Amino acid sequence: MSTTTEDGSRRTDSPLADPEFRDTLRELPPSAKLVARVLGDASPLSQGQLAEESLLPDRTVRYALNRLEEHDLVDSRHSFRDARRRVYFLAR
């Protein structure tokens, strides 16, 4: 699956376009799928930003991120703006 960029063109370099990535994601709960989709559209994002974008509670976002990390679908790093926070992005 490709994503649409701001100018309306299709982007296929997203991990969401990878069949193996999608097969792994297919086995996860809906919250993890939504968080992955949000990260596919805009990343890196903090947990709070993910909660805002996905309209999910913080606790659900944490659960989704944990599930995605267990399957190596998401990576994280310290934020450049605030080293106390972590930001998340799709792996691969």
PDB file of N, CA and C in Angstrom:
ATOM      1  N   MET A   1       0.843  -1.175   0.000  1.00  0.00           N
ATOM      2  CA  MET A   1       0.000   0.000   0.000  1.00  0.00           C
ATOM      3  C   MET A   1       0.880   1.227   0.000  1.00  0.00           C
ATOM      4  N   SER A   2       0.559   2.192  -0.797  1.00  0.00           N
ATOM      5  CA  SER A   2       1.323   3.417  -0.841  1.00  0.00           C
ATOM      6  C   SER A   2       0.604   4.489  -0.042  1.00  0.00           C
ATOM      7  N   THR A   3       1.358   5.494   0.348  1.00  0.00           N
ATOM      8  CA  THR A   3       0.773   6.615   1.068  1.00  0.00           C
ATOM      9  C   THR A   3       0.772   7.823   0.164  1.00  0.00           C
ATOM     10  N   THR A   4      -0.065   8.785   0.473  1.00  0.00           N
ATOM     11  CA  THR A   4      -0.168   9.995  -0.323  1.00  0.00           C
ATOM     12  C   THR A   4       0.595  11.108   0.363  1.00  0.00           C
ATOM     13  N   THR A   5       1.425  11.808  -0.394  1.00  0.00           N
ATOM     14  CA  THR A   5       2.183  12.919   0.158  1.00  0.00           C
ATOM     15  C   THR A   5       1.335  14.186   0.091  1.00  0.00           C
ATOM     16  N   GLU A   6       1.859  15.292   0.653  1.00  0.00           N
ATOM     17  CA  GLU A   6       1.127  16.549   0.674  1.00  0.00           C
ATOM     18  C   GLU A   6       0.782  17.040  -0.719  1.00  0.00           C
ATOM     19  N   ASP A   7       1.638  16.786  -1.698  1.00  0.00           N
ATOM     20  CA  ASP A   7       1.364  17.261  -3.053  1.00  0.00           C
ATOM     21  C   ASP A   7       0.458  16.316  -3.834  1.00  0.00           C
ATOM     22  N   GLY A   8      -0.035  15.262  -3.178  1.00  0.00           N
ATOM     23  CA  GLY A   8      -0.981  14.346  -3.819  1.00  0.00           C
ATOM     24  C   GLY A   8      -0.335  13.172  -4.525  1.00  0.00           C
ATOM     25  N   SER A   9       0.997  13.129  -4.575  1.00  0.00           N
ATOM     26  CA  SER A   9       1.664  12.012  -5.235  1.00  0.00           C
ATOM     27  C   SER A   9       1.712  10.805  -4.301  1.00  0.00           C
ATOM     28  N   ARG A  10       1.899   9.625  -4.857  1.00  0.00           N
ATOM     29  CA  ARG A  10       1.951   8.388  -4.080  1.00  0.00           C
ATOM     30  C   ARG A  10       3.367   8.104  -3.635  1.00  0.00           C
ATOM     31  N   ARG A  11       3.491   7.645  -2.365  1.00  0.00           N
ATOM     32  CA  ARG A  11       4.799   7.300  -1.815  1.00  0.00           C
ATOM     33  C   ARG A  11       4.798   5.817  -1.497  1.00  0.00           C
ATOM     34  N   THR A  12       5.736   5.067  -2.058  1.00  0.00           N
ATOM     35  CA  THR A  12       5.777   3.628  -1.828  1.00  0.00           C
ATOM     36  C   THR A  12       6.976   3.208  -0.990  1.00  0.00           C
ATOM     37  N   ASP A  13       7.776   4.161  -0.513  1.00  0.00           N
ATOM     38  CA  ASP A  13       8.942   3.823   0.277  1.00  0.00           C
ATOM     39  C   ASP A  13       8.591   3.570   1.740  1.00  0.00           C
ATOM     40  N   SER A  14       7.356   3.701   2.104  1.00  0.00           N
ATOM     41  CA  SER A  14       6.910   3.479   3.474  1.00  0.00           C
ATOM     42  C   SER A  14       6.978   1.995   3.814  1.00  0.00           C
ATOM     43  N   PRO A  15       7.346   1.674   5.055  1.00  0.00           N
ATOM     44  CA  PRO A  15       7.319   0.269   5.468  1.00  0.00           C
ATOM     45  C   PRO A  15       5.925  -0.348   5.333  1.00  0.00           C
ATOM     46  N   LEU A  16       4.893   0.478   5.363  1.00  0.00           N
ATOM     47  CA  LEU A  16       3.528  -0.032   5.206  1.00  0.00           C
ATOM     48  C   LEU A  16       3.310  -0.673   3.835  1.00  0.00           C
ATOM     49  N   ALA A  17       4.188  -0.365   2.879  1.00  0.00           N
ATOM     50  CA  ALA A  17       4.079  -0.957   1.549  1.00  0.00           C
ATOM     51  C   ALA A  17       4.732  -2.338   1.477  1.00  0.00           C
ATOM     52  N   ASP A  18       5.523  -2.690   2.476  1.00  0.00           N
ATOM     53  CA  ASP A  18       6.228  -3.964   2.508  1.00  0.00           C
ATOM     54  C   ASP A  18       5.273  -5.093   2.886  1.00  0.00           C
ATOM     55  N   PRO A  19       5.110  -6.113   2.042  1.00  0.00           N
ATOM     56  CA  PRO A  19       4.177  -7.204   2.338  1.00  0.00           C
ATOM     57  C   PRO A  19       4.478  -7.929   3.651  1.00  0.00           C
ATOM     58  N   GLU A  20       5.752  -8.117   3.975  1.00  0.00           N
ATOM     59  CA  GLU A  20       6.122  -8.789   5.225  1.00  0.00           C
ATOM     60  C   GLU A  20       5.705  -7.940   6.430  1.00  0.00           C
ATOM     61  N   PHE A  21       5.941  -6.637   6.334  1.00  0.00           N
ATOM     62  CA  PHE A  21       5.538  -5.708   7.385  1.00  0.00           C
ATOM     63  C   PHE A  21       4.024  -5.782   7.584  1.00  0.00           C
ATOM     64  N   ARG A  22       3.296  -5.759   6.478  1.00  0.00           N
ATOM     65  CA  ARG A  22       1.827  -5.794   6.537  1.00  0.00           C
ATOM     66  C   ARG A  22       1.320  -7.113   7.113  1.00  0.00           C
ATOM     67  N   ASP A  23       1.946  -8.220   6.764  1.00  0.00           N
ATOM     68  CA  ASP A  23       1.524  -9.517   7.308  1.00  0.00           C
ATOM     69  C   ASP A  23       1.702  -9.563   8.817  1.00  0.00           C
ATOM     70  N   THR A  24       2.814  -9.042   9.307  1.00  0.00           N
ATOM     71  CA  THR A  24       3.051  -8.995  10.750  1.00  0.00           C
ATOM     72  C   THR A  24       2.036  -8.071  11.416  1.00  0.00           C
ATOM     73  N   LEU A  25       1.811  -6.921  10.820  1.00  0.00           N
ATOM     74  CA  LEU A  25       0.865  -5.947  11.364  1.00  0.00           C
ATOM     75  C   LEU A  25      -0.558  -6.498  11.403  1.00  0.00           C
ATOM     76  N   ARG A  26      -0.899  -7.297  10.430  1.00  0.00           N
ATOM     77  CA  ARG A  26      -2.250  -7.874  10.327  1.00  0.00           C
ATOM     78  C   ARG A  26      -2.622  -8.680  11.575  1.00  0.00           C
ATOM     79  N   GLU A  27      -1.634  -9.264  12.245  1.00  0.00           N
ATOM     80  CA  GLU A  27      -1.878 -10.100  13.424  1.00  0.00           C
ATOM     81  C   GLU A  27      -2.040  -9.294  14.714  1.00  0.00           C
ATOM     82  N   LEU A  28      -1.806  -8.007  14.660  1.00  0.00           N
ATOM     83  CA  LEU A  28      -1.834  -7.173  15.861  1.00  0.00           C
ATOM     84  C   LEU A  28      -3.217  -6.548  16.074  1.00  0.00           C
ATOM     85  N   PRO A  29      -3.458  -6.028  17.287  1.00  0.00           N
ATOM     86  CA  PRO A  29      -4.764  -5.418  17.585  1.00  0.00           C
ATOM     87  C   PRO A  29      -5.005  -4.144  16.766  1.00  0.00           C
ATOM     88  N   PRO A  30      -6.261  -3.741  16.659  1.00  0.00           N
ATOM     89  CA  PRO A  30      -6.599  -2.550  15.877  1.00  0.00           C
ATOM     90  C   PRO A  30      -5.871  -1.286  16.337  1.00  0.00           C
ATOM     91  N   SER A  31      -5.636  -1.144  17.627  1.00  0.00           N
ATOM     92  CA  SER A  31      -4.934   0.052  18.108  1.00  0.00           C
ATOM     93  C   SER A  31      -3.514   0.108  17.546  1.00  0.00           C
ATOM     94  N   ALA A  32      -2.854  -1.025  17.458  1.00  0.00           N
ATOM     95  CA  ALA A  32      -1.500  -1.066  16.901  1.00  0.00           C
ATOM     96  C   ALA A  32      -1.523  -0.736  15.413  1.00  0.00           C
ATOM     97  N   LYS A  33      -2.533  -1.195  14.718  1.00  0.00           N
ATOM     98  CA  LYS A  33      -2.661  -0.881  13.289  1.00  0.00           C
ATOM     99  C   LYS A  33      -2.861   0.615  13.086  1.00  0.00           C
ATOM    100  N   LEU A  34      -3.704   1.222  13.928  1.00  0.00           N
ATOM    101  CA  LEU A  34      -3.950   2.659  13.814  1.00  0.00           C
ATOM    102  C   LEU A  34      -2.687   3.457  14.127  1.00  0.00           C
ATOM    103  N   VAL A  35      -1.980   3.094  15.168  1.00  0.00           N
ATOM    104  CA  VAL A  35      -0.748   3.792  15.524  1.00  0.00           C
ATOM    105  C   VAL A  35       0.276   3.648  14.397  1.00  0.00           C
ATOM    106  N   ALA A  36       0.390   2.477  13.810  1.00  0.00           N
ATOM    107  CA  ALA A  36       1.310   2.276  12.684  1.00  0.00           C
ATOM    108  C   ALA A  36       0.910   3.154  11.507  1.00  0.00           C
ATOM    109  N   ARG A  37      -0.370   3.251  11.251  1.00  0.00           N
ATOM    110  CA  ARG A  37      -0.859   4.075  10.143  1.00  0.00           C
ATOM    111  C   ARG A  37      -0.522   5.553  10.369  1.00  0.00           C
ATOM    112  N   VAL A  38      -0.735   6.019  11.606  1.00  0.00           N
ATOM    113  CA  VAL A  38      -0.416   7.408  11.935  1.00  0.00           C
ATOM    114  C   VAL A  38       1.086   7.645  11.775  1.00  0.00           C
ATOM    115  N   LEU A  39       1.907   6.712  12.239  1.00  0.00           N
ATOM    116  CA  LEU A  39       3.356   6.843  12.073  1.00  0.00           C
ATOM    117  C   LEU A  39       3.767   6.795  10.608  1.00  0.00           C
ATOM    118  N   GLY A  40       3.022   6.051   9.806  1.00  0.00           N
ATOM    119  CA  GLY A  40       3.310   5.991   8.375  1.00  0.00           C
ATOM    120  C   GLY A  40       3.032   7.306   7.674  1.00  0.00           C
ATOM    121  N   ASP A  41       2.070   8.058   8.213  1.00  0.00           N
ATOM    122  CA  ASP A  41       1.707   9.340   7.616  1.00  0.00           C
ATOM    123  C   ASP A  41       2.595  10.478   8.098  1.00  0.00           C
ATOM    124  N   ALA A  42       3.008  10.422   9.369  1.00  0.00           N
ATOM    125  CA  ALA A  42       3.820  11.499   9.934  1.00  0.00           C
ATOM    126  C   ALA A  42       4.672  10.935  11.056  1.00  0.00           C
ATOM    127  N   SER A  43       5.953  10.967  10.896  1.00  0.00           N
ATOM    128  CA  SER A  43       6.826  10.501  11.971  1.00  0.00           C
ATOM    129  C   SER A  43       8.147  11.233  11.878  1.00  0.00           C
ATOM    130  N   PRO A  44       8.911  11.284  12.919  1.00  0.00           N
ATOM    131  CA  PRO A  44       8.712  10.651  14.220  1.00  0.00           C
ATOM    132  C   PRO A  44       7.728  11.445  15.079  1.00  0.00           C
ATOM    133  N   LEU A  45       7.031  10.745  15.949  1.00  0.00           N
ATOM    134  CA  LEU A  45       6.060  11.357  16.848  1.00  0.00           C
ATOM    135  C   LEU A  45       6.268  10.842  18.262  1.00  0.00           C
ATOM    136  N   SER A  46       5.995  11.692  19.236  1.00  0.00           N
ATOM    137  CA  SER A  46       6.057  11.273  20.629  1.00  0.00           C
ATOM    138  C   SER A  46       4.778  10.512  20.968  1.00  0.00           C
ATOM    139  N   GLN A  47       4.767   9.894  22.121  1.00  0.00           N
ATOM    140  CA  GLN A  47       3.576   9.169  22.554  1.00  0.00           C
ATOM    141  C   GLN A  47       2.380  10.120  22.662  1.00  0.00           C
ATOM    142  N   GLY A  48       2.602  11.305  23.195  1.00  0.00           N
ATOM    143  CA  GLY A  48       1.529  12.290  23.312  1.00  0.00           C
ATOM    144  C   GLY A  48       1.000  12.734  21.963  1.00  0.00           C
ATOM    145  N   GLN A  49       1.905  12.940  21.014  1.00  0.00           N
ATOM    146  CA  GLN A  49       1.488  13.321  19.662  1.00  0.00           C
ATOM    147  C   GLN A  49       0.707  12.192  19.004  1.00  0.00           C
ATOM    148  N   LEU A  50       1.134  10.957  19.242  1.00  0.00           N
ATOM    149  CA  LEU A  50       0.401   9.809  18.700  1.00  0.00           C
ATOM    150  C   LEU A  50      -1.008   9.745  19.278  1.00  0.00           C
ATOM    151  N   ALA A  51      -1.138  10.016  20.567  1.00  0.00           N
ATOM    152  CA  ALA A  51      -2.458  10.011  21.198  1.00  0.00           C
ATOM    153  C   ALA A  51      -3.339  11.096  20.576  1.00  0.00           C
ATOM    154  N   GLU A  52      -2.770  12.264  20.335  1.00  0.00           N
ATOM    155  CA  GLU A  52      -3.524  13.359  19.708  1.00  0.00           C
ATOM    156  C   GLU A  52      -3.965  12.997  18.298  1.00  0.00           C
ATOM    157  N   GLU A  53      -3.034  12.499  17.517  1.00  0.00           N
ATOM    158  CA  GLU A  53      -3.317  12.192  16.109  1.00  0.00           C
ATOM    159  C   GLU A  53      -4.285  11.016  15.931  1.00  0.00           C
ATOM    160  N   SER A  54      -4.152  10.022  16.789  1.00  0.00           N
ATOM    161  CA  SER A  54      -4.973   8.812  16.646  1.00  0.00           C
ATOM    162  C   SER A  54      -6.291   8.899  17.401  1.00  0.00           C
ATOM    163  N   LEU A  55      -6.406   9.882  18.298  1.00  0.00           N
ATOM    164  CA  LEU A  55      -7.590  10.036  19.163  1.00  0.00           C
ATOM    165  C   LEU A  55      -7.750   8.858  20.122  1.00  0.00           C
ATOM    166  N   LEU A  56      -6.649   8.184  20.410  1.00  0.00           N
ATOM    167  CA  LEU A  56      -6.652   7.076  21.364  1.00  0.00           C
ATOM    168  C   LEU A  56      -6.155   7.568  22.716  1.00  0.00           C
ATOM    169  N   PRO A  57      -6.595   6.930  23.807  1.00  0.00           N
ATOM    170  CA  PRO A  57      -6.059   7.289  25.130  1.00  0.00           C
ATOM    171  C   PRO A  57      -4.567   6.952  25.223  1.00  0.00           C
ATOM    172  N   ASP A  58      -3.856   7.677  26.089  1.00  0.00           N
ATOM    173  CA  ASP A  58      -2.413   7.447  26.271  1.00  0.00           C
ATOM    174  C   ASP A  58      -2.112   5.983  26.581  1.00  0.00           C
ATOM    175  N   ARG A  59      -2.910   5.398  27.435  1.00  0.00           N
ATOM    176  CA  ARG A  59      -2.681   4.008  27.837  1.00  0.00           C
ATOM    177  C   ARG A  59      -2.786   3.051  26.641  1.00  0.00           C
ATOM    178  N   THR A  60      -3.734   3.305  25.771  1.00  0.00           N
ATOM    179  CA  THR A  60      -3.906   2.471  24.580  1.00  0.00           C
ATOM    180  C   THR A  60      -2.747   2.661  23.617  1.00  0.00           C
ATOM    181  N   VAL A  61      -2.276   3.883  23.487  1.00  0.00           N
ATOM    182  CA  VAL A  61      -1.123   4.159  22.624  1.00  0.00           C
ATOM    183  C   VAL A  61       0.106   3.438  23.165  1.00  0.00           C
ATOM    184  N   ARG A  62       0.311   3.476  24.490  1.00  0.00           N
ATOM    185  CA  ARG A  62       1.439   2.755  25.099  1.00  0.00           C
ATOM    186  C   ARG A  62       1.358   1.267  24.785  1.00  0.00           C
ATOM    187  N   TYR A  63       0.165   0.699  24.939  1.00  0.00           N
ATOM    188  CA  TYR A  63      -0.037  -0.724  24.648  1.00  0.00           C
ATOM    189  C   TYR A  63       0.282  -1.017  23.179  1.00  0.00           C
ATOM    190  N   ALA A  64      -0.226  -0.179  22.293  1.00  0.00           N
ATOM    191  CA  ALA A  64       0.010  -0.377  20.858  1.00  0.00           C
ATOM    192  C   ALA A  64       1.494  -0.286  20.531  1.00  0.00           C
ATOM    193  N   LEU A  65       2.183   0.700  21.101  1.00  0.00           N
ATOM    194  CA  LEU A  65       3.616   0.845  20.851  1.00  0.00           C
ATOM    195  C   LEU A  65       4.395  -0.360  21.365  1.00  0.00           C
ATOM    196  N   ASN A  66       4.012  -0.857  22.533  1.00  0.00           N
ATOM    197  CA  ASN A  66       4.679  -2.056  23.069  1.00  0.00           C
ATOM    198  C   ASN A  66       4.500  -3.242  22.140  1.00  0.00           C
ATOM    199  N   ARG A  67       3.291  -3.427  21.639  1.00  0.00           N
ATOM    200  CA  ARG A  67       3.050  -4.541  20.711  1.00  0.00           C
ATOM    201  C   ARG A  67       3.835  -4.366  19.422  1.00  0.00           C
ATOM    202  N   LEU A  68       3.874  -3.160  18.894  1.00  0.00           N
ATOM    203  CA  LEU A  68       4.632  -2.894  17.667  1.00  0.00           C
ATOM    204  C   LEU A  68       6.126  -3.099  17.889  1.00  0.00           C
ATOM    205  N   GLU A  69       6.627  -2.693  19.051  1.00  0.00           N
ATOM    206  CA  GLU A  69       8.054  -2.881  19.353  1.00  0.00           C
ATOM    207  C   GLU A  69       8.389  -4.358  19.531  1.00  0.00           C
ATOM    208  N   GLU A  70       7.489  -5.141  20.132  1.00  0.00           N
ATOM    209  CA  GLU A  70       7.708  -6.587  20.298  1.00  0.00           C
ATOM    210  C   GLU A  70       7.935  -7.271  18.951  1.00  0.00           C
ATOM    211  N   HIS A  71       7.288  -6.771  17.922  1.00  0.00           N
ATOM    212  CA  HIS A  71       7.389  -7.371  16.588  1.00  0.00           C
ATOM    213  C   HIS A  71       8.361  -6.611  15.680  1.00  0.00           C
ATOM    214  N   ASP A  72       9.144  -5.723  16.275  1.00  0.00           N
ATOM    215  CA  ASP A  72      10.159  -4.946  15.537  1.00  0.00           C
ATOM    216  C   ASP A  72       9.583  -4.144  14.379  1.00  0.00           C
ATOM    217  N   LEU A  73       8.372  -3.607  14.572  1.00  0.00           N
ATOM    218  CA  LEU A  73       7.750  -2.788  13.538  1.00  0.00           C
ATOM    219  C   LEU A  73       7.958  -1.299  13.799  1.00  0.00           C
ATOM    220  N   VAL A  74       8.331  -0.961  15.037  1.00  0.00           N
ATOM    221  CA  VAL A  74       8.537   0.436  15.429  1.00  0.00           C
ATOM    222  C   VAL A  74       9.875   0.548  16.147  1.00  0.00           C
ATOM    223  N   ASP A  75      10.567   1.639  15.881  1.00  0.00           N
ATOM    224  CA  ASP A  75      11.793   1.981  16.597  1.00  0.00           C
ATOM    225  C   ASP A  75      11.568   3.315  17.298  1.00  0.00           C
ATOM    226  N   SER A  76      12.442   3.608  18.239  1.00  0.00           N
ATOM    227  CA  SER A  76      12.347   4.891  18.932  1.00  0.00           C
ATOM    228  C   SER A  76      13.737   5.434  19.184  1.00  0.00           C
ATOM    229  N   ARG A  77      13.776   6.721  19.457  1.00  0.00           N
ATOM    230  CA  ARG A  77      15.013   7.401  19.815  1.00  0.00           C
ATOM    231  C   ARG A  77      14.634   8.577  20.700  1.00  0.00           C
ATOM    232  N   HIS A  78      15.631   9.188  21.330  1.00  0.00           N
ATOM    233  CA  HIS A  78      15.360  10.378  22.129  1.00  0.00           C
ATOM    234  C   HIS A  78      15.045  11.543  21.195  1.00  0.00           C
ATOM    235  N   SER A  79      14.131  12.374  21.628  1.00  0.00           N
ATOM    236  CA  SER A  79      13.755  13.552  20.857  1.00  0.00           C
ATOM    237  C   SER A  79      14.914  14.540  20.818  1.00  0.00           C
ATOM    238  N   PHE A  80      15.112  15.181  19.681  1.00  0.00           N
ATOM    239  CA  PHE A  80      16.140  16.209  19.573  1.00  0.00           C
ATOM    240  C   PHE A  80      15.714  17.466  20.323  1.00  0.00           C
ATOM    241  N   ARG A  81      14.410  17.706  20.419  1.00  0.00           N
ATOM    242  CA  ARG A  81      13.889  18.893  21.101  1.00  0.00           C
ATOM    243  C   ARG A  81      13.895  18.748  22.617  1.00  0.00           C
ATOM    244  N   ASP A  82      13.613  17.542  23.099  1.00  0.00           N
ATOM    245  CA  ASP A  82      13.534  17.302  24.539  1.00  0.00           C
ATOM    246  C   ASP A  82      14.053  15.894  24.796  1.00  0.00           C
ATOM    247  N   ALA A  83      15.264  15.783  25.281  1.00  0.00           N
ATOM    248  CA  ALA A  83      15.919  14.484  25.452  1.00  0.00           C
ATOM    249  C   ALA A  83      15.221  13.592  26.478  1.00  0.00           C
ATOM    250  N   ARG A  84      14.299  14.155  27.254  1.00  0.00           N
ATOM    251  CA  ARG A  84      13.540  13.329  28.210  1.00  0.00           C
ATOM    252  C   ARG A  84      12.447  12.527  27.518  1.00  0.00           C
ATOM    253  N   ARG A  85      12.108  12.906  26.312  1.00  0.00           N
ATOM    254  CA  ARG A  85      11.037  12.237  25.572  1.00  0.00           C
ATOM    255  C   ARG A  85      11.600  11.325  24.491  1.00  0.00           C
ATOM    256  N   ARG A  86      10.819  10.332  24.168  1.00  0.00           N
ATOM    257  CA  ARG A  86      11.164   9.448  23.061  1.00  0.00           C
ATOM    258  C   ARG A  86      10.221   9.734  21.908  1.00  0.00           C
ATOM    259  N   VAL A  87      10.714   9.580  20.706  1.00  0.00           N
ATOM    260  CA  VAL A  87       9.872   9.691  19.518  1.00  0.00           C
ATOM    261  C   VAL A  87       9.913   8.350  18.795  1.00  0.00           C
ATOM    262  N   TYR A  88       8.840   8.039  18.133  1.00  0.00           N
ATOM    263  CA  TYR A  88       8.666   6.732  17.504  1.00  0.00           C
ATOM    264  C   TYR A  88       8.507   6.881  16.001  1.00  0.00           C
ATOM    265  N   PHE A  89       8.978   5.865  15.290  1.00  0.00           N
ATOM    266  CA  PHE A  89       8.878   5.841  13.831  1.00  0.00           C
ATOM    267  C   PHE A  89       8.843   4.386  13.386  1.00  0.00           C
ATOM    268  N   LEU A  90       8.321   4.169  12.181  1.00  0.00           N
ATOM    269  CA  LEU A  90       8.227   2.806  11.653  1.00  0.00           C
ATOM    270  C   LEU A  90       9.612   2.280  11.337  1.00  0.00           C
ATOM    271  N   ALA A  91       9.842   1.029  11.652  1.00  0.00           N
ATOM    272  CA  ALA A  91      11.133   0.387  11.386  1.00  0.00           C
ATOM    273  C   ALA A  91      11.149  -0.182   9.968  1.00  0.00           C
ATOM    274  N   ARG A  92      12.329  -0.520   9.515  1.00  0.00           N
ATOM    275  CA  ARG A  92      12.598  -1.182   8.235  1.00  0.00           C
ATOM    276  C   ARG A  92      12.833  -0.229   7.131  1.00  0.00           C
TER     277      ARG A  92
END
